[in-house]
Amino acid sequence: MMKAYIILFALYIPLSCSNDVETQDDDILGFELLSDVNGHWVGSNETAFGFYDWFAFDFRPISPSHSHSIYEGAANQNIITSIFLAEYEGKKQIMARNGGWLGNQYRATYFILDKAENRNQEKYYRLVDAVGGPDRSYMEFRFVADSIYMDAYKDNSGTLDQPIHHMGFAGSNRNPSYSQKAVALFDYPQETIEVNLNNQFSILIDKDSALFLEEDLDPFPKSDHGHISDLRVDIKRNTPTQNQGLLFFLSKSEVVSEDGSVNWSNLDNTVIRTIDLGRTENNYTCTYLHPDDYFVTIFHDLDGDGIPSSGDYSSSSKQTTVLPNSQESVQVEIEMQLP
């Protein structure tokens, strides 16, 4: 399992498709994407910045017509990806929001679904820049059985004549159950408008892209999202970890037990987020967090292998409960050296 560092992502996979995907409502192209994207997808990620043999996306509903995932790499380094039903151009349409924080720079780009196709048990969806269209950027999702393929292209010149592949994620749905509680809660998906984006892209920093670089100008900011929470983790360091970088794993099952043993299966299959903590960071707040029960594990990665292993200084995995629309907190102590 390699530590997944922050990347910017867009999506593309070439696929020859035909036959529209059957939808619940003939007027809503690609309505099934709202369901197909749900899951705890674990796999590998090939990016413009390197190859990562372990990476995860955790898509779950946060409303009757909105599925959300976030990747957090470190403080102010995250990527959000939302798929939702919007009112846009006077009709119901499937849209996406991709962005977050990169250092002190906020960014959010909006996409609209323009293709939904089915061929030989494979489902394919394409979402293009809501203003610039496919010549500016587009994201593609392909689903085959319990596997997902996500890729993207972006071209600031607006021509996309020789696109650069920024990301290629291939993964399997390791834990479909993670999203089921929210699916039942919201009777998801429904044909309920999540947000009205009519006339929201008229004042832009770039006339050729539905891009926002200021959160207070974003037409659908975090403050308008429901059923998500924050979790503040306070860290008590032992002497060997003072002024040292740490890794923070958020998982659905215990990774490190109180006796220091590591559950390798849980490590590979149930981790939700992997976050770098700086030498002086003694607390960290997870944002856009789905309500659930989690385990928090903090460790100093002495050998640099990206996982809690023999010789590393680590906490045991601390369980905590995150309620909907809340700001929770938990304290974790790095109390041992792993055998």
C-alpha atoms as a PDB file:
ATOM      1  CA  MET A   1       0.000   0.000   0.000  1.00  0.00           C
ATOM      2  CA  MET A   2       1.650   3.224  -1.137  1.00  0.00           C
ATOM      3  CA  LYS A   3       0.762   6.559   0.443  1.00  0.00           C
ATOM      4  CA  ALA A   4      -1.479   8.523  -1.959  1.00  0.00           C
ATOM      5  CA  TYR A   5      -0.272  12.110  -2.299  1.00  0.00           C
ATOM      6  CA  ILE A   6      -2.374  15.007  -3.496  1.00  0.00           C
ATOM      7  CA  ILE A   7      -3.030  15.263  -7.230  1.00  0.00           C
ATOM      8  CA  LEU A   8      -5.252  17.274  -9.530  1.00  0.00           C
ATOM      9  CA  PHE A   9      -7.541  14.996 -11.465  1.00  0.00           C
ATOM     10  CA  ALA A  10      -9.593  14.883 -14.637  1.00  0.00           C
ATOM     11  CA  LEU A  11     -10.798  11.778 -16.412  1.00  0.00           C
ATOM     12  CA  TYR A  12     -10.606   9.924 -19.742  1.00  0.00           C
ATOM     13  CA  ILE A  13     -10.843   6.396 -21.126  1.00  0.00           C
ATOM     14  CA  PRO A  14     -11.506   5.788 -24.823  1.00  0.00           C
ATOM     15  CA  LEU A  15     -14.475   3.516 -25.331  1.00  0.00           C
ATOM     16  CA  SER A  16     -16.597   2.760 -28.365  1.00  0.00           C
ATOM     17  CA  CYS A  17     -20.172   2.780 -27.085  1.00  0.00           C
ATOM     18  CA  SER A  18     -23.696   2.594 -28.343  1.00  0.00           C
ATOM     19  CA  ASN A  19     -27.191   2.339 -26.904  1.00  0.00           C
ATOM     20  CA  ASP A  20     -28.204   4.832 -24.236  1.00  0.00           C
ATOM     21  CA  VAL A  21     -28.270   3.575 -20.671  1.00  0.00           C
ATOM     22  CA  GLU A  22     -31.838   3.015 -19.564  1.00  0.00           C
ATOM     23  CA  THR A  23     -32.787   5.690 -17.060  1.00  0.00           C
ATOM     24  CA  GLN A  24     -35.523   6.090 -14.492  1.00  0.00           C
ATOM     25  CA  ASP A  25     -36.671   9.232 -16.291  1.00  0.00           C
ATOM     26  CA  ASP A  26     -36.234   9.485 -20.083  1.00  0.00           C
ATOM     27  CA  ASP A  27     -35.684  13.225 -19.683  1.00  0.00           C
ATOM     28  CA  ILE A  28     -32.673  12.768 -17.371  1.00  0.00           C
ATOM     29  CA  LEU A  29     -29.692  11.502 -19.330  1.00  0.00           C
ATOM     30  CA  GLY A  30     -27.452   9.192 -17.311  1.00  0.00           C
ATOM     31  CA  PHE A  31     -29.615   9.135 -14.178  1.00  0.00           C
ATOM     32  CA  GLU A  32     -28.096   5.752 -13.228  1.00  0.00           C
ATOM     33  CA  LEU A  33     -24.686   7.338 -12.666  1.00  0.00           C
ATOM     34  CA  LEU A  34     -26.000   8.579  -9.316  1.00  0.00           C
ATOM     35  CA  SER A  35     -26.191   4.952  -8.182  1.00  0.00           C
ATOM     36  CA  ASP A  36     -23.329   3.453 -10.180  1.00  0.00           C
ATOM     37  CA  VAL A  37     -20.724   5.751  -8.618  1.00  0.00           C
ATOM     38  CA  ASN A  38     -21.546   4.804  -5.027  1.00  0.00           C
ATOM     39  CA  GLY A  39     -18.951   2.653  -3.315  1.00  0.00           C
ATOM     40  CA  HIS A  40     -15.621   2.420  -1.528  1.00  0.00           C
ATOM     41  CA  TRP A  41     -13.440   2.071  -4.580  1.00  0.00           C
ATOM     42  CA  VAL A  42      -9.887   0.856  -3.898  1.00  0.00           C
ATOM     43  CA  GLY A  43      -7.272   0.423  -6.588  1.00  0.00           C
ATOM     44  CA  SER A  44      -4.298   2.032  -8.327  1.00  0.00           C
ATOM     45  CA  ASN A  45      -3.920   5.492  -9.761  1.00  0.00           C
ATOM     46  CA  GLU A  46      -1.685   6.578 -12.629  1.00  0.00           C
ATOM     47  CA  THR A  47      -1.177  10.336 -12.634  1.00  0.00           C
ATOM     48  CA  ALA A  48       0.934  13.012 -14.265  1.00  0.00           C
ATOM     49  CA  PHE A  49       2.817  13.132 -10.954  1.00  0.00           C
ATOM     50  CA  GLY A  50       3.524   9.416 -10.581  1.00  0.00           C
ATOM     51  CA  PHE A  51       1.935   6.012 -10.103  1.00  0.00           C
ATOM     52  CA  TYR A  52       0.240   5.040  -6.818  1.00  0.00           C
ATOM     53  CA  ASP A  53      -0.396   1.359  -6.207  1.00  0.00           C
ATOM     54  CA  TRP A  54      -3.028   2.146  -3.538  1.00  0.00           C
ATOM     55  CA  PHE A  55      -5.718   4.813  -3.798  1.00  0.00           C
ATOM     56  CA  ALA A  56      -9.337   5.092  -2.650  1.00  0.00           C
ATOM     57  CA  PHE A  57     -12.533   6.969  -3.425  1.00  0.00           C
ATOM     58  CA  ASP A  58     -15.478   6.798  -1.018  1.00  0.00           C
ATOM     59  CA  PHE A  59     -18.681   7.872  -2.806  1.00  0.00           C
ATOM     60  CA  ARG A  60     -21.852   7.997  -0.717  1.00  0.00           C
ATOM     61  CA  PRO A  61     -25.161   9.882  -0.961  1.00  0.00           C
ATOM     62  CA  ILE A  62     -25.470  13.117   1.006  1.00  0.00           C
ATOM     63  CA  SER A  63     -28.981  13.915  -0.238  1.00  0.00           C
ATOM     64  CA  PRO A  64     -31.692  12.205  -2.315  1.00  0.00           C
ATOM     65  CA  SER A  65     -29.817  13.098  -5.517  1.00  0.00           C
ATOM     66  CA  HIS A  66     -26.163  13.795  -4.651  1.00  0.00           C
ATOM     67  CA  SER A  67     -23.218  11.396  -4.219  1.00  0.00           C
ATOM     68  CA  HIS A  68     -19.993  12.819  -2.798  1.00  0.00           C
ATOM     69  CA  SER A  69     -16.347  11.837  -2.314  1.00  0.00           C
ATOM     70  CA  ILE A  70     -13.228  13.679  -1.141  1.00  0.00           C
ATOM     71  CA  TYR A  71      -9.541  12.856  -1.198  1.00  0.00           C
ATOM     72  CA  GLU A  72      -7.437  14.572   1.472  1.00  0.00           C
ATOM     73  CA  GLY A  73      -3.663  14.549   1.123  1.00  0.00           C
ATOM     74  CA  ALA A  74      -2.719  17.081   3.794  1.00  0.00           C
ATOM     75  CA  ALA A  75      -3.883  20.338   5.345  1.00  0.00           C
ATOM     76  CA  ASN A  76      -5.443  22.469   2.590  1.00  0.00           C
ATOM     77  CA  GLN A  77      -4.743  19.796   0.002  1.00  0.00           C
ATOM     78  CA  ASN A  78      -7.906  18.012  -1.037  1.00  0.00           C
ATOM     79  CA  ILE A  79      -9.969  17.059  -4.040  1.00  0.00           C
ATOM     80  CA  ILE A  80     -13.734  16.881  -3.884  1.00  0.00           C
ATOM     81  CA  THR A  81     -15.831  15.100  -6.489  1.00  0.00           C
ATOM     82  CA  SER A  82     -19.623  15.300  -6.435  1.00  0.00           C
ATOM     83  CA  ILE A  83     -22.199  13.855  -8.824  1.00  0.00           C
ATOM     84  CA  PHE A  84     -25.682  15.333  -8.469  1.00  0.00           C
ATOM     85  CA  LEU A  85     -28.951  16.237 -10.163  1.00  0.00           C
ATOM     86  CA  ALA A  86     -29.197  19.943 -10.959  1.00  0.00           C
ATOM     87  CA  GLU A  87     -31.531  22.360 -12.641  1.00  0.00           C
ATOM     88  CA  TYR A  88     -29.429  23.750 -15.484  1.00  0.00           C
ATOM     89  CA  GLU A  89     -30.329  25.337 -18.803  1.00  0.00           C
ATOM     90  CA  GLY A  90     -33.974  25.017 -17.785  1.00  0.00           C
ATOM     91  CA  LYS A  91     -34.048  21.257 -17.230  1.00  0.00           C
ATOM     92  CA  LYS A  92     -32.923  18.477 -14.897  1.00  0.00           C
ATOM     93  CA  GLN A  93     -29.403  17.341 -15.696  1.00  0.00           C
ATOM     94  CA  ILE A  94     -26.683  15.224 -14.111  1.00  0.00           C
ATOM     95  CA  MET A  95     -23.733  17.446 -13.180  1.00  0.00           C
ATOM     96  CA  ALA A  96     -20.453  17.180 -11.304  1.00  0.00           C
ATOM     97  CA  ARG A  97     -18.405  19.494  -9.094  1.00  0.00           C
ATOM     98  CA  ASN A  98     -14.663  18.892  -8.908  1.00  0.00           C
ATOM     99  CA  GLY A  99     -12.261  20.980  -6.842  1.00  0.00           C
ATOM    100  CA  GLY A 100     -11.285  21.854  -3.291  1.00  0.00           C
ATOM    101  CA  TRP A 101      -8.158  23.461  -1.837  1.00  0.00           C
ATOM    102  CA  LEU A 102      -4.590  23.296  -3.130  1.00  0.00           C
ATOM    103  CA  GLY A 103      -2.567  25.189  -0.531  1.00  0.00           C
ATOM    104  CA  ASN A 104      -4.174  28.601  -0.223  1.00  0.00           C
ATOM    105  CA  GLN A 105      -5.856  28.342  -3.613  1.00  0.00           C
ATOM    106  CA  TYR A 106      -9.517  27.329  -3.804  1.00  0.00           C
ATOM    107  CA  ARG A 107     -10.882  25.914  -7.028  1.00  0.00           C
ATOM    108  CA  ALA A 108     -14.149  24.375  -8.176  1.00  0.00           C
ATOM    109  CA  THR A 109     -15.131  23.418 -11.715  1.00  0.00           C
ATOM    110  CA  TYR A 110     -18.584  22.322 -12.846  1.00  0.00           C
ATOM    111  CA  PHE A 111     -19.258  19.624 -15.432  1.00  0.00           C
ATOM    112  CA  ILE A 112     -22.383  18.470 -17.221  1.00  0.00           C
ATOM    113  CA  LEU A 113     -23.089  14.924 -18.374  1.00  0.00           C
ATOM    114  CA  ASP A 114     -23.357  14.717 -22.163  1.00  0.00           C
ATOM    115  CA  LYS A 115     -22.983  10.978 -22.803  1.00  0.00           C
ATOM    116  CA  ALA A 116     -24.430   7.888 -21.142  1.00  0.00           C
ATOM    117  CA  GLU A 117     -23.931   4.666 -23.046  1.00  0.00           C
ATOM    118  CA  ASN A 118     -24.073   0.910 -22.569  1.00  0.00           C
ATOM    119  CA  ARG A 119     -22.151  -1.753 -24.479  1.00  0.00           C
ATOM    120  CA  ASN A 120     -21.655  -5.415 -23.576  1.00  0.00           C
ATOM    121  CA  GLN A 121     -22.379  -4.994 -19.860  1.00  0.00           C
ATOM    122  CA  GLU A 122     -20.164  -1.907 -19.646  1.00  0.00           C
ATOM    123  CA  LYS A 123     -21.607   1.444 -18.615  1.00  0.00           C
ATOM    124  CA  TYR A 124     -19.932   4.613 -19.798  1.00  0.00           C
ATOM    125  CA  TYR A 125     -20.523   8.238 -18.789  1.00  0.00           C
ATOM    126  CA  ARG A 126     -18.851  11.462 -19.905  1.00  0.00           C
ATOM    127  CA  LEU A 127     -19.106  14.832 -18.157  1.00  0.00           C
ATOM    128  CA  VAL A 128     -17.728  17.926 -19.887  1.00  0.00           C
ATOM    129  CA  ASP A 129     -16.913  21.437 -18.703  1.00  0.00           C
ATOM    130  CA  ALA A 130     -20.300  23.127 -18.261  1.00  0.00           C
ATOM    131  CA  VAL A 131     -19.109  26.170 -20.209  1.00  0.00           C
ATOM    132  CA  GLY A 132     -16.178  25.108 -22.403  1.00  0.00           C
ATOM    133  CA  GLY A 133     -17.477  21.638 -23.227  1.00  0.00           C
ATOM    134  CA  PRO A 134     -15.254  18.692 -24.238  1.00  0.00           C
ATOM    135  CA  ASP A 135     -12.694  20.963 -25.921  1.00  0.00           C
ATOM    136  CA  ARG A 136     -11.784  22.354 -22.511  1.00  0.00           C
ATOM    137  CA  SER A 137     -11.968  19.380 -20.151  1.00  0.00           C
ATOM    138  CA  TYR A 138     -13.947  16.255 -19.504  1.00  0.00           C
ATOM    139  CA  MET A 139     -14.279  13.417 -17.005  1.00  0.00           C
ATOM    140  CA  GLU A 140     -15.190   9.865 -17.877  1.00  0.00           C
ATOM    141  CA  PHE A 141     -16.482   6.972 -15.784  1.00  0.00           C
ATOM    142  CA  ARG A 142     -16.623   3.375 -16.976  1.00  0.00           C
ATOM    143  CA  PHE A 143     -18.190   0.583 -14.926  1.00  0.00           C
ATOM    144  CA  VAL A 144     -17.593  -3.118 -15.609  1.00  0.00           C
ATOM    145  CA  ALA A 145     -19.102  -5.540 -13.054  1.00  0.00           C
ATOM    146  CA  ASP A 146     -17.758  -4.356  -9.683  1.00  0.00           C
ATOM    147  CA  SER A 147     -14.903  -2.326 -11.202  1.00  0.00           C
ATOM    148  CA  ILE A 148     -14.611   1.377 -11.953  1.00  0.00           C
ATOM    149  CA  TYR A 149     -12.307   3.204 -14.368  1.00  0.00           C
ATOM    150  CA  MET A 150     -11.959   6.952 -13.929  1.00  0.00           C
ATOM    151  CA  ASP A 151      -9.802   9.162 -16.145  1.00  0.00           C
ATOM    152  CA  ALA A 152      -9.577  12.804 -17.191  1.00  0.00           C
ATOM    153  CA  TYR A 153      -8.260  15.322 -19.646  1.00  0.00           C
ATOM    154  CA  LYS A 154      -7.836  19.057 -19.246  1.00  0.00           C
ATOM    155  CA  ASP A 155      -6.452  21.642 -21.656  1.00  0.00           C
ATOM    156  CA  ASN A 156      -6.225  25.300 -20.675  1.00  0.00           C
ATOM    157  CA  SER A 157      -5.857  26.288 -24.319  1.00  0.00           C
ATOM    158  CA  GLY A 158      -9.386  25.123 -24.989  1.00  0.00           C
ATOM    159  CA  THR A 159      -8.494  22.974 -27.988  1.00  0.00           C
ATOM    160  CA  LEU A 160      -7.817  19.528 -26.450  1.00  0.00           C
ATOM    161  CA  ASP A 161      -6.146  18.543 -29.717  1.00  0.00           C
ATOM    162  CA  GLN A 162      -3.398  16.671 -27.862  1.00  0.00           C
ATOM    163  CA  PRO A 163      -4.839  15.995 -24.401  1.00  0.00           C
ATOM    164  CA  ILE A 164      -2.562  15.208 -21.466  1.00  0.00           C
ATOM    165  CA  HIS A 165      -3.659  12.319 -19.300  1.00  0.00           C
ATOM    166  CA  HIS A 166      -3.793  13.653 -15.744  1.00  0.00           C
ATOM    167  CA  MET A 167      -5.254  10.658 -13.949  1.00  0.00           C
ATOM    168  CA  GLY A 168      -6.198   7.054 -14.540  1.00  0.00           C
ATOM    169  CA  PHE A 169      -7.808   5.301 -11.600  1.00  0.00           C
ATOM    170  CA  ALA A 170      -8.795   1.633 -11.807  1.00  0.00           C
ATOM    171  CA  GLY A 171     -10.398   0.060  -8.759  1.00  0.00           C
ATOM    172  CA  SER A 172     -12.940  -2.356  -7.381  1.00  0.00           C
ATOM    173  CA  ASN A 173     -15.833  -1.743  -5.036  1.00  0.00           C
ATOM    174  CA  ARG A 174     -14.323  -3.310  -1.911  1.00  0.00           C
ATOM    175  CA  ASN A 175     -17.125  -2.233   0.421  1.00  0.00           C
ATOM    176  CA  PRO A 176     -20.484  -1.453  -1.234  1.00  0.00           C
ATOM    177  CA  SER A 177     -22.058  -1.562   2.233  1.00  0.00           C
ATOM    178  CA  TYR A 178     -20.431   1.712   3.266  1.00  0.00           C
ATOM    179  CA  SER A 179     -22.957   3.696   1.222  1.00  0.00           C
ATOM    180  CA  GLN A 180     -26.041   1.596   1.953  1.00  0.00           C
ATOM    181  CA  LYS A 181     -27.107   3.378   5.136  1.00  0.00           C
ATOM    182  CA  ALA A 182     -27.281   6.697   3.301  1.00  0.00           C
ATOM    183  CA  VAL A 183     -28.989   5.053   0.312  1.00  0.00           C
ATOM    184  CA  ALA A 184     -31.753   3.805   2.624  1.00  0.00           C
ATOM    185  CA  LEU A 185     -31.969   7.086   4.545  1.00  0.00           C
ATOM    186  CA  PHE A 186     -32.555   9.176   1.430  1.00  0.00           C
ATOM    187  CA  ASP A 187     -34.378   6.511  -0.619  1.00  0.00           C
ATOM    188  CA  TYR A 188     -31.603   7.270  -3.066  1.00  0.00           C
ATOM    189  CA  PRO A 189     -31.602   8.182  -5.880  1.00  0.00           C
ATOM    190  CA  GLN A 190     -34.602  10.414  -6.397  1.00  0.00           C
ATOM    191  CA  GLU A 191     -35.423  12.869  -9.164  1.00  0.00           C
ATOM    192  CA  THR A 192     -35.149  15.750  -6.713  1.00  0.00           C
ATOM    193  CA  ILE A 193     -33.198  18.827  -7.759  1.00  0.00           C
ATOM    194  CA  GLU A 194     -30.129  19.214  -5.529  1.00  0.00           C
ATOM    195  CA  VAL A 195     -29.167  22.708  -6.710  1.00  0.00           C
ATOM    196  CA  ASN A 196     -30.333  25.280  -9.251  1.00  0.00           C
ATOM    197  CA  LEU A 197     -27.407  26.295 -11.442  1.00  0.00           C
ATOM    198  CA  ASN A 198     -29.343  28.248 -14.057  1.00  0.00           C
ATOM    199  CA  ASN A 199     -27.487  31.475 -14.921  1.00  0.00           C
ATOM    200  CA  GLN A 200     -24.723  30.716 -12.390  1.00  0.00           C
ATOM    201  CA  PHE A 201     -21.869  30.704 -14.916  1.00  0.00           C
ATOM    202  CA  SER A 202     -22.216  34.192 -16.380  1.00  0.00           C
ATOM    203  CA  ILE A 203     -19.483  35.897 -14.308  1.00  0.00           C
ATOM    204  CA  LEU A 204     -16.339  33.788 -14.595  1.00  0.00           C
ATOM    205  CA  ILE A 205     -12.621  34.298 -14.185  1.00  0.00           C
ATOM    206  CA  ASP A 206     -12.216  32.340 -17.426  1.00  0.00           C
ATOM    207  CA  LYS A 207     -14.956  32.832 -20.001  1.00  0.00           C
ATOM    208  CA  ASP A 208     -14.279  29.345 -21.401  1.00  0.00           C
ATOM    209  CA  SER A 209     -14.617  27.317 -18.194  1.00  0.00           C
ATOM    210  CA  ALA A 210     -17.108  26.946 -15.328  1.00  0.00           C
ATOM    211  CA  LEU A 211     -14.228  27.521 -12.906  1.00  0.00           C
ATOM    212  CA  PHE A 212     -14.358  29.358  -9.574  1.00  0.00           C
ATOM    213  CA  LEU A 213     -11.252  30.365  -7.624  1.00  0.00           C
ATOM    214  CA  GLU A 214     -13.022  32.017  -4.683  1.00  0.00           C
ATOM    215  CA  GLU A 215     -15.235  30.026  -2.333  1.00  0.00           C
ATOM    216  CA  ASP A 216     -17.616  32.913  -1.708  1.00  0.00           C
ATOM    217  CA  LEU A 217     -18.343  33.036  -5.464  1.00  0.00           C
ATOM    218  CA  ASP A 218     -18.886  29.282  -5.808  1.00  0.00           C
ATOM    219  CA  PRO A 219     -22.604  28.735  -6.595  1.00  0.00           C
ATOM    220  CA  PHE A 220     -22.645  25.459  -4.600  1.00  0.00           C
ATOM    221  CA  PRO A 221     -20.128  25.791  -1.711  1.00  0.00           C
ATOM    222  CA  LYS A 222     -19.577  23.420   1.200  1.00  0.00           C
ATOM    223  CA  SER A 223     -21.989  25.424   3.369  1.00  0.00           C
ATOM    224  CA  ASP A 224     -24.827  24.382   1.030  1.00  0.00           C
ATOM    225  CA  HIS A 225     -24.030  20.657   1.308  1.00  0.00           C
ATOM    226  CA  GLY A 226     -26.031  18.567   3.750  1.00  0.00           C
ATOM    227  CA  HIS A 227     -25.332  15.363   5.679  1.00  0.00           C
ATOM    228  CA  ILE A 228     -21.575  15.931   5.962  1.00  0.00           C
ATOM    229  CA  SER A 229     -19.497  16.621   9.055  1.00  0.00           C
ATOM    230  CA  ASP A 230     -16.087  17.637  10.361  1.00  0.00           C
ATOM    231  CA  LEU A 231     -13.851  15.590  12.649  1.00  0.00           C
ATOM    232  CA  ARG A 232     -11.054  17.277  14.609  1.00  0.00           C
ATOM    233  CA  VAL A 233      -8.279  14.910  15.658  1.00  0.00           C
ATOM    234  CA  ASP A 234      -6.024  16.096  18.512  1.00  0.00           C
ATOM    235  CA  ILE A 235      -2.683  14.290  18.663  1.00  0.00           C
ATOM    236  CA  LYS A 236      -0.623  13.584  21.754  1.00  0.00           C
ATOM    237  CA  ARG A 237       2.922  12.862  20.546  1.00  0.00           C
ATOM    238  CA  ASN A 238       5.459  10.762  22.398  1.00  0.00           C
ATOM    239  CA  THR A 239       9.055  12.039  22.654  1.00  0.00           C
ATOM    240  CA  PRO A 240      10.439  10.287  19.521  1.00  0.00           C
ATOM    241  CA  THR A 241       7.715  11.866  17.346  1.00  0.00           C
ATOM    242  CA  GLN A 242       8.191  15.471  18.451  1.00  0.00           C
ATOM    243  CA  ASN A 243       8.897  17.625  15.397  1.00  0.00           C
ATOM    244  CA  GLN A 244       8.461  14.663  13.067  1.00  0.00           C
ATOM    245  CA  GLY A 245       6.087  14.189  10.138  1.00  0.00           C
ATOM    246  CA  LEU A 246       3.194  11.813  10.747  1.00  0.00           C
ATOM    247  CA  LEU A 247       0.692   9.822   8.717  1.00  0.00           C
ATOM    248  CA  PHE A 248      -2.988   9.778   9.620  1.00  0.00           C
ATOM    249  CA  PHE A 249      -5.163   6.924   8.371  1.00  0.00           C
ATOM    250  CA  LEU A 250      -8.947   7.056   8.668  1.00  0.00           C
ATOM    251  CA  SER A 251     -10.499   3.606   8.315  1.00  0.00           C
ATOM    252  CA  LYS A 252     -13.699   1.707   8.920  1.00  0.00           C
ATOM    253  CA  SER A 253     -11.976  -1.099  10.865  1.00  0.00           C
ATOM    254  CA  GLU A 254      -9.126  -1.343  13.329  1.00  0.00           C
ATOM    255  CA  VAL A 255      -5.677  -1.150  11.707  1.00  0.00           C
ATOM    256  CA  VAL A 256      -3.360  -1.193  14.762  1.00  0.00           C
ATOM    257  CA  SER A 257      -4.461  -3.045  17.896  1.00  0.00           C
ATOM    258  CA  GLU A 258      -3.596  -2.078  21.476  1.00  0.00           C
ATOM    259  CA  ASP A 259      -0.772  -4.665  21.518  1.00  0.00           C
ATOM    260  CA  GLY A 260       0.755  -3.150  18.380  1.00  0.00           C
ATOM    261  CA  SER A 261      -0.232  -5.826  15.883  1.00  0.00           C
ATOM    262  CA  VAL A 262      -1.261  -4.616  12.420  1.00  0.00           C
ATOM    263  CA  ASN A 263      -4.321  -6.020  10.656  1.00  0.00           C
ATOM    264  CA  TRP A 264      -3.033  -6.089   7.083  1.00  0.00           C
ATOM    265  CA  SER A 265      -6.392  -6.949   5.541  1.00  0.00           C
ATOM    266  CA  ASN A 266      -8.091  -3.974   7.215  1.00  0.00           C
ATOM    267  CA  LEU A 267      -5.192  -1.762   6.177  1.00  0.00           C
ATOM    268  CA  ASP A 268      -5.582  -2.694   2.525  1.00  0.00           C
ATOM    269  CA  ASN A 269      -9.366  -2.859   2.353  1.00  0.00           C
ATOM    270  CA  THR A 270     -10.986  -0.473   4.859  1.00  0.00           C
ATOM    271  CA  VAL A 271      -8.879   2.713   4.838  1.00  0.00           C
ATOM    272  CA  ILE A 272     -10.900   5.741   3.711  1.00  0.00           C
ATOM    273  CA  ARG A 273      -8.308   8.532   3.820  1.00  0.00           C
ATOM    274  CA  THR A 274      -4.512   8.818   4.055  1.00  0.00           C
ATOM    275  CA  ILE A 275      -3.276  12.223   5.235  1.00  0.00           C
ATOM    276  CA  ASP A 276       0.189  13.725   5.753  1.00  0.00           C
ATOM    277  CA  LEU A 277       0.713  15.712   8.951  1.00  0.00           C
ATOM    278  CA  GLY A 278       3.532  18.207   9.298  1.00  0.00           C
ATOM    279  CA  ARG A 279       6.249  18.251  11.951  1.00  0.00           C
ATOM    280  CA  THR A 280       4.412  20.789  14.108  1.00  0.00           C
ATOM    281  CA  GLU A 281       0.822  19.722  13.436  1.00  0.00           C
ATOM    282  CA  ASN A 282      -0.766  18.485  16.651  1.00  0.00           C
ATOM    283  CA  ASN A 283      -4.310  18.505  15.316  1.00  0.00           C
ATOM    284  CA  TYR A 284      -6.091  17.995  12.028  1.00  0.00           C
ATOM    285  CA  THR A 285      -9.710  18.469  10.916  1.00  0.00           C
ATOM    286  CA  CYS A 286     -11.246  16.116   8.346  1.00  0.00           C
ATOM    287  CA  THR A 287     -13.895  17.891   6.286  1.00  0.00           C
ATOM    288  CA  TYR A 288     -16.756  16.680   4.067  1.00  0.00           C
ATOM    289  CA  LEU A 289     -16.853  13.542   6.209  1.00  0.00           C
ATOM    290  CA  HIS A 290     -19.709  11.073   5.795  1.00  0.00           C
ATOM    291  CA  PRO A 291     -21.404  10.294   9.126  1.00  0.00           C
ATOM    292  CA  ASP A 292     -20.293   6.853  10.291  1.00  0.00           C
ATOM    293  CA  ASP A 293     -18.162   4.955  12.800  1.00  0.00           C
ATOM    294  CA  TYR A 294     -14.441   5.247  12.091  1.00  0.00           C
ATOM    295  CA  PHE A 295     -11.010   4.312  13.410  1.00  0.00           C
ATOM    296  CA  VAL A 296      -8.206   6.881  13.609  1.00  0.00           C
ATOM    297  CA  THR A 297      -4.583   5.709  13.397  1.00  0.00           C
ATOM    298  CA  ILE A 298      -1.609   8.099  13.645  1.00  0.00           C
ATOM    299  CA  PHE A 299       1.981   6.933  13.128  1.00  0.00           C
ATOM    300  CA  HIS A 300       5.522   8.105  12.396  1.00  0.00           C
ATOM    301  CA  ASP A 301       6.674   6.245   9.293  1.00  0.00           C
ATOM    302  CA  LEU A 302      10.335   5.661  10.145  1.00  0.00           C
ATOM    303  CA  ASP A 303      11.104   3.373   7.211  1.00  0.00           C
ATOM    304  CA  GLY A 304       9.110   5.406   4.671  1.00  0.00           C
ATOM    305  CA  ASP A 305       7.026   2.487   3.375  1.00  0.00           C
ATOM    306  CA  GLY A 306       3.759   4.402   3.797  1.00  0.00           C
ATOM    307  CA  ILE A 307       2.196   1.963   6.283  1.00  0.00           C
ATOM    308  CA  PRO A 308       2.404   1.304  10.045  1.00  0.00           C
ATOM    309  CA  SER A 309       5.080  -1.391  10.247  1.00  0.00           C
ATOM    310  CA  SER A 310       7.726  -2.774  12.597  1.00  0.00           C
ATOM    311  CA  GLY A 311       9.778  -0.043  14.270  1.00  0.00           C
ATOM    312  CA  ASP A 312       7.309   2.756  13.532  1.00  0.00           C
ATOM    313  CA  TYR A 313       5.934   4.813  16.419  1.00  0.00           C
ATOM    314  CA  SER A 314       2.155   4.567  16.331  1.00  0.00           C
ATOM    315  CA  SER A 315      -1.097   4.998  18.140  1.00  0.00           C
ATOM    316  CA  SER A 316      -3.501   2.128  18.466  1.00  0.00           C
ATOM    317  CA  SER A 317      -6.570   2.643  16.274  1.00  0.00           C
ATOM    318  CA  LYS A 318      -9.016   4.856  18.155  1.00  0.00           C
ATOM    319  CA  GLN A 319     -12.712   4.377  17.380  1.00  0.00           C
ATOM    320  CA  THR A 320     -14.966   7.399  17.050  1.00  0.00           C
ATOM    321  CA  THR A 321     -18.518   8.118  15.893  1.00  0.00           C
ATOM    322  CA  VAL A 322     -19.331  10.966  13.524  1.00  0.00           C
ATOM    323  CA  LEU A 323     -22.961  12.122  13.505  1.00  0.00           C
ATOM    324  CA  PRO A 324     -24.621  13.909  10.563  1.00  0.00           C
ATOM    325  CA  ASN A 325     -24.093  17.660  10.225  1.00  0.00           C
ATOM    326  CA  SER A 326     -21.795  17.807  13.240  1.00  0.00           C
ATOM    327  CA  GLN A 327     -18.358  18.914  14.371  1.00  0.00           C
ATOM    328  CA  GLU A 328     -16.858  16.019  16.300  1.00  0.00           C
ATOM    329  CA  SER A 329     -13.503  15.631  18.026  1.00  0.00           C
ATOM    330  CA  VAL A 330     -11.292  12.778  19.193  1.00  0.00           C
ATOM    331  CA  GLN A 331      -7.897  12.606  20.919  1.00  0.00           C
ATOM    332  CA  VAL A 332      -5.285  10.094  19.786  1.00  0.00           C
ATOM    333  CA  GLU A 333      -2.012   9.281  21.567  1.00  0.00           C
ATOM    334  CA  ILE A 334       1.085   7.905  19.885  1.00  0.00           C
ATOM    335  CA  GLU A 335       1.931   5.522  22.706  1.00  0.00           C
ATOM    336  CA  MET A 336       4.074   2.725  21.323  1.00  0.00           C
ATOM    337  CA  GLN A 337       6.724   1.449  18.957  1.00  0.00           C
ATOM    338  CA  LEU A 338       5.395  -1.339  16.762  1.00  0.00           C
ATOM    339  CA  PRO A 339       7.029  -4.752  17.274  1.00  0.00           C
END
